[in-house]
Amino acid sequence: MYYAILAEDVENSLALRQQARPAHLQRLQDLADAGRLLVAGPHPALDTEDPGEAGFTGSLVIAEFDSLEDATAWADADPYADAGVYRRVVVKPYRKVLP
C-alpha cells in the first residue's frame, strides 16, 4: 500500500537541508530503484520553482511500504529528520485513484 509522508520544516531549515540532502536523495533513489516511489519533493516557501534563500516549508513523499509501521520507521530514519530539518512528520495511508 502507498503511504503519504508529510513533513513540516523548522524555521530557516535551508542550511540543514543542504547538509543532509545527498543522503536524503539517496534514500529516495533507493525507493525509486525498487519501484516503490510514486512521488517526492519539497514545498517551496514561495510560489516559485526556486525559492532561493526563502527555502522550503516541508516535504511530501508518497511511496509503497508493507505497513504503516514500516512507513513510519522509514520516515523516522530520514537524514532530514536526523539533521533537525523537520518539526513535524505525519504518515498516512494513501490510495492512488488518478491518473
PDB file of N, CA and C in Angstrom:
ATOM      1  N   MET A   1       0.837  -1.171   0.000  1.00  0.00           N
ATOM      2  CA  MET A   1       0.000   0.000   0.000  1.00  0.00           C
ATOM      3  C   MET A   1       0.887   1.240   0.000  1.00  0.00           C
ATOM      4  N   TYR A   2       0.349   2.305  -0.588  1.00  0.00           N
ATOM      5  CA  TYR A   2       1.069   3.580  -0.557  1.00  0.00           C
ATOM      6  C   TYR A   2       0.825   4.293   0.768  1.00  0.00           C
ATOM      7  N   TYR A   3       1.831   5.089   1.166  1.00  0.00           N
ATOM      8  CA  TYR A   3       1.735   5.928   2.355  1.00  0.00           C
ATOM      9  C   TYR A   3       2.255   7.308   2.009  1.00  0.00           C
ATOM     10  N   ALA A   4       1.555   8.336   2.492  1.00  0.00           N
ATOM     11  CA  ALA A   4       1.988   9.722   2.321  1.00  0.00           C
ATOM     12  C   ALA A   4       2.756  10.131   3.568  1.00  0.00           C
ATOM     13  N   ILE A   5       3.949  10.627   3.345  1.00  0.00           N
ATOM     14  CA  ILE A   5       4.786  11.133   4.431  1.00  0.00           C
ATOM     15  C   ILE A   5       4.837  12.645   4.246  1.00  0.00           C
ATOM     16  N   LEU A   6       4.151  13.359   5.155  1.00  0.00           N
ATOM     17  CA  LEU A   6       4.035  14.808   5.090  1.00  0.00           C
ATOM     18  C   LEU A   6       4.902  15.406   6.192  1.00  0.00           C
ATOM     19  N   ALA A   7       5.917  16.136   5.792  1.00  0.00           N
ATOM     20  CA  ALA A   7       6.847  16.699   6.766  1.00  0.00           C
ATOM     21  C   ALA A   7       6.778  18.215   6.737  1.00  0.00           C
ATOM     22  N   GLU A   8       6.826  18.801   7.910  1.00  0.00           N
ATOM     23  CA  GLU A   8       6.843  20.254   8.068  1.00  0.00           C
ATOM     24  C   GLU A   8       8.198  20.663   8.624  1.00  0.00           C
ATOM     25  N   ASP A   9       8.836  21.615   7.962  1.00  0.00           N
ATOM     26  CA  ASP A   9      10.178  22.060   8.363  1.00  0.00           C
ATOM     27  C   ASP A   9      10.159  22.987   9.572  1.00  0.00           C
ATOM     28  N   VAL A  10      11.287  23.030  10.267  1.00  0.00           N
ATOM     29  CA  VAL A  10      11.536  24.059  11.265  1.00  0.00           C
ATOM     30  C   VAL A  10      11.776  25.370  10.515  1.00  0.00           C
ATOM     31  N   GLU A  11      11.757  26.476  11.228  1.00  0.00           N
ATOM     32  CA  GLU A  11      12.080  27.772  10.623  1.00  0.00           C
ATOM     33  C   GLU A  11      13.525  27.756  10.110  1.00  0.00           C
ATOM     34  N   ASN A  12      13.759  28.427   9.008  1.00  0.00           N
ATOM     35  CA  ASN A  12      15.109  28.594   8.469  1.00  0.00           C
ATOM     36  C   ASN A  12      15.850  27.263   8.313  1.00  0.00           C
ATOM     37  N   SER A  13      15.215  26.322   7.658  1.00  0.00           N
ATOM     38  CA  SER A  13      15.764  24.968   7.521  1.00  0.00           C
ATOM     39  C   SER A  13      16.726  24.787   6.351  1.00  0.00           C
ATOM     40  N   LEU A  14      16.880  25.800   5.512  1.00  0.00           N
ATOM     41  CA  LEU A  14      17.628  25.629   4.266  1.00  0.00           C
ATOM     42  C   LEU A  14      19.042  25.095   4.480  1.00  0.00           C
ATOM     43  N   ALA A  15      19.795  25.639   5.414  1.00  0.00           N
ATOM     44  CA  ALA A  15      21.172  25.176   5.648  1.00  0.00           C
ATOM     45  C   ALA A  15      21.182  23.723   6.124  1.00  0.00           C
ATOM     46  N   LEU A  16      20.234  23.370   6.974  1.00  0.00           N
ATOM     47  CA  LEU A  16      20.139  21.981   7.439  1.00  0.00           C
ATOM     48  C   LEU A  16      19.806  21.047   6.276  1.00  0.00           C
ATOM     49  N   ARG A  17      18.893  21.482   5.428  1.00  0.00           N
ATOM     50  CA  ARG A  17      18.530  20.691   4.246  1.00  0.00           C
ATOM     51  C   ARG A  17      19.744  20.461   3.350  1.00  0.00           C
ATOM     52  N   GLN A  18      20.479  21.518   3.089  1.00  0.00           N
ATOM     53  CA  GLN A  18      21.613  21.412   2.179  1.00  0.00           C
ATOM     54  C   GLN A  18      22.647  20.416   2.684  1.00  0.00           C
ATOM     55  N   GLN A  19      22.863  20.378   3.986  1.00  0.00           N
ATOM     56  CA  GLN A  19      23.850  19.453   4.549  1.00  0.00           C
ATOM     57  C   GLN A  19      23.402  17.997   4.418  1.00  0.00           C
ATOM     58  N   ALA A  20      22.133  17.733   4.634  1.00  0.00           N
ATOM     59  CA  ALA A  20      21.623  16.353   4.646  1.00  0.00           C
ATOM     60  C   ALA A  20      21.077  15.898   3.299  1.00  0.00           C
ATOM     61  N   ARG A  21      21.015  16.791   2.319  1.00  0.00           N
ATOM     62  CA  ARG A  21      20.365  16.488   1.042  1.00  0.00           C
ATOM     63  C   ARG A  21      20.931  15.270   0.308  1.00  0.00           C
ATOM     64  N   PRO A  22      22.237  15.113   0.170  1.00  0.00           N
ATOM     65  CA  PRO A  22      22.726  13.943  -0.570  1.00  0.00           C
ATOM     66  C   PRO A  22      22.238  12.613   0.008  1.00  0.00           C
ATOM     67  N   ALA A  23      22.285  12.467   1.308  1.00  0.00           N
ATOM     68  CA  ALA A  23      21.829  11.215   1.933  1.00  0.00           C
ATOM     69  C   ALA A  23      20.322  11.059   1.812  1.00  0.00           C
ATOM     70  N   HIS A  24      19.592  12.155   1.943  1.00  0.00           N
ATOM     71  CA  HIS A  24      18.137  12.141   1.788  1.00  0.00           C
ATOM     72  C   HIS A  24      17.759  11.689   0.375  1.00  0.00           C
ATOM     73  N   LEU A  25      18.408  12.268  -0.625  1.00  0.00           N
ATOM     74  CA  LEU A  25      18.117  11.908  -2.016  1.00  0.00           C
ATOM     75  C   LEU A  25      18.489  10.457  -2.326  1.00  0.00           C
ATOM     76  N   GLN A  26      19.556   9.961  -1.720  1.00  0.00           N
ATOM     77  CA  GLN A  26      19.956   8.571  -1.954  1.00  0.00           C
ATOM     78  C   GLN A  26      18.880   7.616  -1.459  1.00  0.00           C
ATOM     79  N   ARG A  27      18.296   7.893  -0.320  1.00  0.00           N
ATOM     80  CA  ARG A  27      17.223   7.024   0.205  1.00  0.00           C
ATOM     81  C   ARG A  27      16.008   7.041  -0.725  1.00  0.00           C
ATOM     82  N   LEU A  28      15.694   8.231  -1.258  1.00  0.00           N
ATOM     83  CA  LEU A  28      14.582   8.328  -2.200  1.00  0.00           C
ATOM     84  C   LEU A  28      14.900   7.577  -3.496  1.00  0.00           C
ATOM     85  N   GLN A  29      16.146   7.685  -3.949  1.00  0.00           N
ATOM     86  CA  GLN A  29      16.552   6.966  -5.153  1.00  0.00           C
ATOM     87  C   GLN A  29      16.457   5.463  -4.937  1.00  0.00           C
ATOM     88  N   ASP A  30      16.808   5.000  -3.753  1.00  0.00           N
ATOM     89  CA  ASP A  30      16.684   3.570  -3.436  1.00  0.00           C
ATOM     90  C   ASP A  30      15.234   3.113  -3.546  1.00  0.00           C
ATOM     91  N   LEU A  31      14.288   3.933  -3.050  1.00  0.00           N
ATOM     92  CA  LEU A  31      12.864   3.604  -3.197  1.00  0.00           C
ATOM     93  C   LEU A  31      12.463   3.588  -4.670  1.00  0.00           C
ATOM     94  N   ALA A  32      12.929   4.575  -5.424  1.00  0.00           N
ATOM     95  CA  ALA A  32      12.614   4.647  -6.846  1.00  0.00           C
ATOM     96  C   ALA A  32      13.169   3.432  -7.587  1.00  0.00           C
ATOM     97  N   ASP A  33      14.407   3.059  -7.292  1.00  0.00           N
ATOM     98  CA  ASP A  33      15.038   1.914  -7.942  1.00  0.00           C
ATOM     99  C   ASP A  33      14.290   0.621  -7.652  1.00  0.00           C
ATOM    100  N   ALA A  34      13.659   0.555  -6.481  1.00  0.00           N
ATOM    101  CA  ALA A  34      12.883  -0.629  -6.096  1.00  0.00           C
ATOM    102  C   ALA A  34      11.453  -0.573  -6.648  1.00  0.00           C
ATOM    103  N   GLY A  35      11.117   0.504  -7.379  1.00  0.00           N
ATOM    104  CA  GLY A  35       9.779   0.643  -7.952  1.00  0.00           C
ATOM    105  C   GLY A  35       8.716   0.986  -6.923  1.00  0.00           C
ATOM    106  N   ARG A  36       9.119   1.564  -5.794  1.00  0.00           N
ATOM    107  CA  ARG A  36       8.187   1.834  -4.697  1.00  0.00           C
ATOM    108  C   ARG A  36       7.852   3.310  -4.523  1.00  0.00           C
ATOM    109  N   LEU A  37       8.527   4.202  -5.239  1.00  0.00           N
ATOM    110  CA  LEU A  37       8.313   5.639  -5.069  1.00  0.00           C
ATOM    111  C   LEU A  37       7.312   6.152  -6.092  1.00  0.00           C
ATOM    112  N   LEU A  38       6.229   6.750  -5.611  1.00  0.00           N
ATOM    113  CA  LEU A  38       5.244   7.360  -6.501  1.00  0.00           C
ATOM    114  C   LEU A  38       5.631   8.799  -6.820  1.00  0.00           C
ATOM    115  N   VAL A  39       5.975   9.564  -5.781  1.00  0.00           N
ATOM    116  CA  VAL A  39       6.348  10.969  -5.962  1.00  0.00           C
ATOM    117  C   VAL A  39       7.070  11.444  -4.708  1.00  0.00           C
ATOM    118  N   ALA A  40       7.948  12.423  -4.878  1.00  0.00           N
ATOM    119  CA  ALA A  40       8.631  13.020  -3.734  1.00  0.00           C
ATOM    120  C   ALA A  40       9.093  14.414  -4.106  1.00  0.00           C
ATOM    121  N   GLY A  41       9.041  15.317  -3.137  1.00  0.00           N
ATOM    122  CA  GLY A  41       9.548  16.651  -3.385  1.00  0.00           C
ATOM    123  C   GLY A  41       9.244  17.594  -2.240  1.00  0.00           C
ATOM    124  N   PRO A  42       9.911  18.768  -2.270  1.00  0.00           N
ATOM    125  CA  PRO A  42       9.733  19.762  -1.211  1.00  0.00           C
ATOM    126  C   PRO A  42       8.601  20.737  -1.536  1.00  0.00           C
ATOM    127  N   HIS A  43       8.189  21.466  -0.499  1.00  0.00           N
ATOM    128  CA  HIS A  43       7.206  22.545  -0.634  1.00  0.00           C
ATOM    129  C   HIS A  43       7.969  23.870  -0.575  1.00  0.00           C
ATOM    130  N   PRO A  44       8.113  24.573  -1.722  1.00  0.00           N
ATOM    131  CA  PRO A  44       8.823  25.846  -1.705  1.00  0.00           C
ATOM    132  C   PRO A  44       8.131  26.860  -0.793  1.00  0.00           C
ATOM    133  N   ALA A  45       8.926  27.678  -0.106  1.00  0.00           N
ATOM    134  CA  ALA A  45       8.390  28.701   0.791  1.00  0.00           C
ATOM    135  C   ALA A  45       7.720  29.832   0.020  1.00  0.00           C
ATOM    136  N   LEU A  46       8.083  29.985  -1.241  1.00  0.00           N
ATOM    137  CA  LEU A  46       7.489  30.999  -2.113  1.00  0.00           C
ATOM    138  C   LEU A  46       6.826  30.307  -3.297  1.00  0.00           C
ATOM    139  N   ASP A  47       5.901  30.989  -3.928  1.00  0.00           N
ATOM    140  CA  ASP A  47       5.177  30.434  -5.067  1.00  0.00           C
ATOM    141  C   ASP A  47       6.030  30.508  -6.332  1.00  0.00           C
ATOM    142  N   THR A  48       7.106  29.727  -6.308  1.00  0.00           N
ATOM    143  CA  THR A  48       8.031  29.685  -7.431  1.00  0.00           C
ATOM    144  C   THR A  48       8.793  28.364  -7.384  1.00  0.00           C
ATOM    145  N   GLU A  49       9.279  27.923  -8.523  1.00  0.00           N
ATOM    146  CA  GLU A  49      10.025  26.671  -8.604  1.00  0.00           C
ATOM    147  C   GLU A  49      11.295  26.702  -7.751  1.00  0.00           C
ATOM    148  N   ASP A  50      11.980  27.854  -7.761  1.00  0.00           N
ATOM    149  CA  ASP A  50      13.217  28.012  -6.988  1.00  0.00           C
ATOM    150  C   ASP A  50      13.036  29.159  -6.006  1.00  0.00           C
ATOM    151  N   PRO A  51      12.780  28.847  -4.731  1.00  0.00           N
ATOM    152  CA  PRO A  51      12.536  29.907  -3.754  1.00  0.00           C
ATOM    153  C   PRO A  51      13.795  30.580  -3.226  1.00  0.00           C
ATOM    154  N   GLY A  52      14.958  30.165  -3.715  1.00  0.00           N
ATOM    155  CA  GLY A  52      16.216  30.775  -3.281  1.00  0.00           C
ATOM    156  C   GLY A  52      16.416  30.670  -1.782  1.00  0.00           C
ATOM    157  N   GLU A  53      16.849  31.746  -1.172  1.00  0.00           N
ATOM    158  CA  GLU A  53      17.163  31.774   0.259  1.00  0.00           C
ATOM    159  C   GLU A  53      15.932  31.584   1.142  1.00  0.00           C
ATOM    160  N   ALA A  54      14.717  31.761   0.580  1.00  0.00           N
ATOM    161  CA  ALA A  54      13.491  31.543   1.360  1.00  0.00           C
ATOM    162  C   ALA A  54      13.353  30.070   1.734  1.00  0.00           C
ATOM    163  N   GLY A  55      13.927  29.212   0.896  1.00  0.00           N
ATOM    164  CA  GLY A  55      13.953  27.782   1.201  1.00  0.00           C
ATOM    165  C   GLY A  55      12.626  27.082   1.050  1.00  0.00           C
ATOM    166  N   PHE A  56      12.391  26.122   1.918  1.00  0.00           N
ATOM    167  CA  PHE A  56      11.240  25.238   1.817  1.00  0.00           C
ATOM    168  C   PHE A  56      10.531  25.136   3.166  1.00  0.00           C
ATOM    169  N   THR A  57       9.265  24.770   3.106  1.00  0.00           N
ATOM    170  CA  THR A  57       8.474  24.670   4.341  1.00  0.00           C
ATOM    171  C   THR A  57       8.196  23.230   4.740  1.00  0.00           C
ATOM    172  N   GLY A  58       8.572  22.286   3.898  1.00  0.00           N
ATOM    173  CA  GLY A  58       8.320  20.886   4.202  1.00  0.00           C
ATOM    174  C   GLY A  58       8.527  20.018   2.985  1.00  0.00           C
ATOM    175  N   SER A  59       8.101  18.773   3.094  1.00  0.00           N
ATOM    176  CA  SER A  59       8.287  17.793   2.023  1.00  0.00           C
ATOM    177  C   SER A  59       7.105  16.844   1.971  1.00  0.00           C
ATOM    178  N   LEU A  60       6.943  16.232   0.809  1.00  0.00           N
ATOM    179  CA  LEU A  60       5.946  15.178   0.617  1.00  0.00           C
ATOM    180  C   LEU A  60       6.623  13.999  -0.062  1.00  0.00           C
ATOM    181  N   VAL A  61       6.438  12.816   0.495  1.00  0.00           N
ATOM    182  CA  VAL A  61       6.889  11.574  -0.124  1.00  0.00           C
ATOM    183  C   VAL A  61       5.688  10.646  -0.145  1.00  0.00           C
ATOM    184  N   ILE A  62       5.398  10.082  -1.301  1.00  0.00           N
ATOM    185  CA  ILE A  62       4.372   9.039  -1.386  1.00  0.00           C
ATOM    186  C   ILE A  62       5.062   7.810  -1.952  1.00  0.00           C
ATOM    187  N   ALA A  63       5.076   6.759  -1.137  1.00  0.00           N
ATOM    188  CA  ALA A  63       5.802   5.551  -1.508  1.00  0.00           C
ATOM    189  C   ALA A  63       5.084   4.321  -0.966  1.00  0.00           C
ATOM    190  N   GLU A  64       5.454   3.191  -1.526  1.00  0.00           N
ATOM    191  CA  GLU A  64       4.854   1.923  -1.136  1.00  0.00           C
ATOM    192  C   GLU A  64       5.661   1.274  -0.009  1.00  0.00           C
ATOM    193  N   PHE A  65       4.944   0.864   1.034  1.00  0.00           N
ATOM    194  CA  PHE A  65       5.532   0.149   2.162  1.00  0.00           C
ATOM    195  C   PHE A  65       4.612  -0.998   2.533  1.00  0.00           C
ATOM    196  N   ASP A  66       5.124  -1.951   3.287  1.00  0.00           N
ATOM    197  CA  ASP A  66       4.320  -3.101   3.701  1.00  0.00           C
ATOM    198  C   ASP A  66       3.275  -2.752   4.749  1.00  0.00           C
ATOM    199  N   SER A  67       3.546  -1.694   5.536  1.00  0.00           N
ATOM    200  CA  SER A  67       2.624  -1.342   6.613  1.00  0.00           C
ATOM    201  C   SER A  67       2.854   0.101   7.027  1.00  0.00           C
ATOM    202  N   LEU A  68       1.915   0.631   7.794  1.00  0.00           N
ATOM    203  CA  LEU A  68       2.065   1.965   8.361  1.00  0.00           C
ATOM    204  C   LEU A  68       3.296   2.021   9.263  1.00  0.00           C
ATOM    205  N   GLU A  69       3.536   0.955   9.996  1.00  0.00           N
ATOM    206  CA  GLU A  69       4.699   0.910  10.877  1.00  0.00           C
ATOM    207  C   GLU A  69       5.995   0.992  10.082  1.00  0.00           C
ATOM    208  N   ASP A  70       6.055   0.282   8.942  1.00  0.00           N
ATOM    209  CA  ASP A  70       7.250   0.335   8.100  1.00  0.00           C
ATOM    210  C   ASP A  70       7.454   1.726   7.509  1.00  0.00           C
ATOM    211  N   ALA A  71       6.365   2.349   7.067  1.00  0.00           N
ATOM    212  CA  ALA A  71       6.457   3.699   6.507  1.00  0.00           C
ATOM    213  C   ALA A  71       6.915   4.696   7.572  1.00  0.00           C
ATOM    214  N   THR A  72       6.381   4.558   8.770  1.00  0.00           N
ATOM    215  CA  THR A  72       6.761   5.445   9.868  1.00  0.00           C
ATOM    216  C   THR A  72       8.225   5.250  10.250  1.00  0.00           C
ATOM    217  N   ALA A  73       8.668   4.006  10.297  1.00  0.00           N
ATOM    218  CA  ALA A  73      10.069   3.729  10.614  1.00  0.00           C
ATOM    219  C   ALA A  73      10.991   4.317   9.547  1.00  0.00           C
ATOM    220  N   TRP A  74      10.602   4.205   8.278  1.00  0.00           N
ATOM    221  CA  TRP A  74      11.402   4.770   7.191  1.00  0.00           C
ATOM    222  C   TRP A  74      11.480   6.287   7.344  1.00  0.00           C
ATOM    223  N   ALA A  75      10.351   6.920   7.622  1.00  0.00           N
ATOM    224  CA  ALA A  75      10.321   8.377   7.793  1.00  0.00           C
ATOM    225  C   ALA A  75      11.168   8.808   8.990  1.00  0.00           C
ATOM    226  N   ASP A  76      11.088   8.058  10.080  1.00  0.00           N
ATOM    227  CA  ASP A  76      11.851   8.397  11.285  1.00  0.00           C
ATOM    228  C   ASP A  76      13.356   8.325  11.051  1.00  0.00           C
ATOM    229  N   ALA A  77      13.789   7.498  10.106  1.00  0.00           N
ATOM    230  CA  ALA A  77      15.216   7.319   9.830  1.00  0.00           C
ATOM    231  C   ALA A  77      15.724   8.236   8.715  1.00  0.00           C
ATOM    232  N   ASP A  78      14.889   9.136   8.228  1.00  0.00           N
ATOM    233  CA  ASP A  78      15.290  10.036   7.146  1.00  0.00           C
ATOM    234  C   ASP A  78      16.423  10.953   7.611  1.00  0.00           C
ATOM    235  N   PRO A  79      17.425  11.163   6.773  1.00  0.00           N
ATOM    236  CA  PRO A  79      18.510  12.076   7.136  1.00  0.00           C
ATOM    237  C   PRO A  79      18.034  13.490   7.475  1.00  0.00           C
ATOM    238  N   TYR A  80      16.960  13.951   6.859  1.00  0.00           N
ATOM    239  CA  TYR A  80      16.418  15.262   7.209  1.00  0.00           C
ATOM    240  C   TYR A  80      15.897  15.256   8.644  1.00  0.00           C
ATOM    241  N   ALA A  81      15.273  14.162   9.063  1.00  0.00           N
ATOM    242  CA  ALA A  81      14.802  14.052  10.447  1.00  0.00           C
ATOM    243  C   ALA A  81      15.998  14.071  11.395  1.00  0.00           C
ATOM    244  N   ASP A  82      17.030  13.310  11.065  1.00  0.00           N
ATOM    245  CA  ASP A  82      18.239  13.257  11.902  1.00  0.00           C
ATOM    246  C   ASP A  82      18.935  14.612  11.990  1.00  0.00           C
ATOM    247  N   ALA A  83      18.875  15.393  10.896  1.00  0.00           N
ATOM    248  CA  ALA A  83      19.554  16.688  10.848  1.00  0.00           C
ATOM    249  C   ALA A  83      18.747  17.805  11.509  1.00  0.00           C
ATOM    250  N   GLY A  84      17.520  17.517  11.936  1.00  0.00           N
ATOM    251  CA  GLY A  84      16.694  18.536  12.567  1.00  0.00           C
ATOM    252  C   GLY A  84      15.947  19.420  11.599  1.00  0.00           C
ATOM    253  N   VAL A  85      15.818  18.994  10.342  1.00  0.00           N
ATOM    254  CA  VAL A  85      15.093  19.769   9.338  1.00  0.00           C
ATOM    255  C   VAL A  85      13.599  19.798   9.659  1.00  0.00           C
ATOM    256  N   TYR A  86      13.066  18.675  10.093  1.00  0.00           N
ATOM    257  CA  TYR A  86      11.626  18.560  10.282  1.00  0.00           C
ATOM    258  C   TYR A  86      11.189  18.891  11.701  1.00  0.00           C
ATOM    259  N   ARG A  87      10.130  19.679  11.773  1.00  0.00           N
ATOM    260  CA  ARG A  87       9.469  19.987  13.045  1.00  0.00           C
ATOM    261  C   ARG A  87       8.418  18.933  13.354  1.00  0.00           C
ATOM    262  N   ARG A  88       7.793  18.437  12.298  1.00  0.00           N
ATOM    263  CA  ARG A  88       6.683  17.501  12.475  1.00  0.00           C
ATOM    264  C   ARG A  88       6.587  16.622  11.232  1.00  0.00           C
ATOM    265  N   VAL A  89       6.301  15.346  11.442  1.00  0.00           N
ATOM    266  CA  VAL A  89       6.109  14.409  10.338  1.00  0.00           C
ATOM    267  C   VAL A  89       4.835  13.610  10.606  1.00  0.00           C
ATOM    268  N   VAL A  90       3.984  13.545   9.595  1.00  0.00           N
ATOM    269  CA  VAL A  90       2.747  12.762   9.668  1.00  0.00           C
ATOM    270  C   VAL A  90       2.817  11.708   8.566  1.00  0.00           C
ATOM    271  N   VAL A  91       2.499  10.474   8.916  1.00  0.00           N
ATOM    272  CA  VAL A  91       2.481   9.384   7.950  1.00  0.00           C
ATOM    273  C   VAL A  91       1.055   8.845   7.901  1.00  0.00           C
ATOM    274  N   LYS A  92       0.494   8.799   6.676  1.00  0.00           N
ATOM    275  CA  LYS A  92      -0.890   8.363   6.500  1.00  0.00           C
ATOM    276  C   LYS A  92      -0.979   7.386   5.336  1.00  0.00           C
ATOM    277  N   PRO A  93      -1.899   6.426   5.422  1.00  0.00           N
ATOM    278  CA  PRO A  93      -2.157   5.580   4.264  1.00  0.00           C
ATOM    279  C   PRO A  93      -2.653   6.462   3.110  1.00  0.00           C
ATOM    280  N   TYR A  94      -2.306   6.065   1.891  1.00  0.00           N
ATOM    281  CA  TYR A  94      -2.680   6.831   0.704  1.00  0.00           C
ATOM    282  C   TYR A  94      -3.174   5.868  -0.365  1.00  0.00           C
ATOM    283  N   ARG A  95      -4.310   6.188  -0.956  1.00  0.00           N
ATOM    284  CA  ARG A  95      -4.849   5.364  -2.029  1.00  0.00           C
ATOM    285  C   ARG A  95      -4.851   6.170  -3.311  1.00  0.00           C
ATOM    286  N   LYS A  96      -4.057   5.762  -4.277  1.00  0.00           N
ATOM    287  CA  LYS A  96      -3.983   6.441  -5.568  1.00  0.00           C
ATOM    288  C   LYS A  96      -5.229   6.098  -6.376  1.00  0.00           C
ATOM    289  N   VAL A  97      -5.891   7.140  -6.876  1.00  0.00           N
ATOM    290  CA  VAL A  97      -7.081   6.961  -7.693  1.00  0.00           C
ATOM    291  C   VAL A  97      -6.820   7.401  -9.135  1.00  0.00           C
ATOM    292  N   LEU A  98      -6.224   8.570  -9.313  1.00  0.00           N
ATOM    293  CA  LEU A  98      -5.945   9.111 -10.649  1.00  0.00           C
ATOM    294  C   LEU A  98      -4.525   9.650 -10.698  1.00  0.00           C
ATOM    295  N   PRO A  99      -3.901   9.793 -11.809  1.00  0.00           N
ATOM    296  CA  PRO A  99      -4.281   9.159 -13.070  1.00  0.00           C
ATOM    297  C   PRO A  99      -3.988   7.684 -13.049  1.00  0.00           C
TER     298      PRO A  99
END
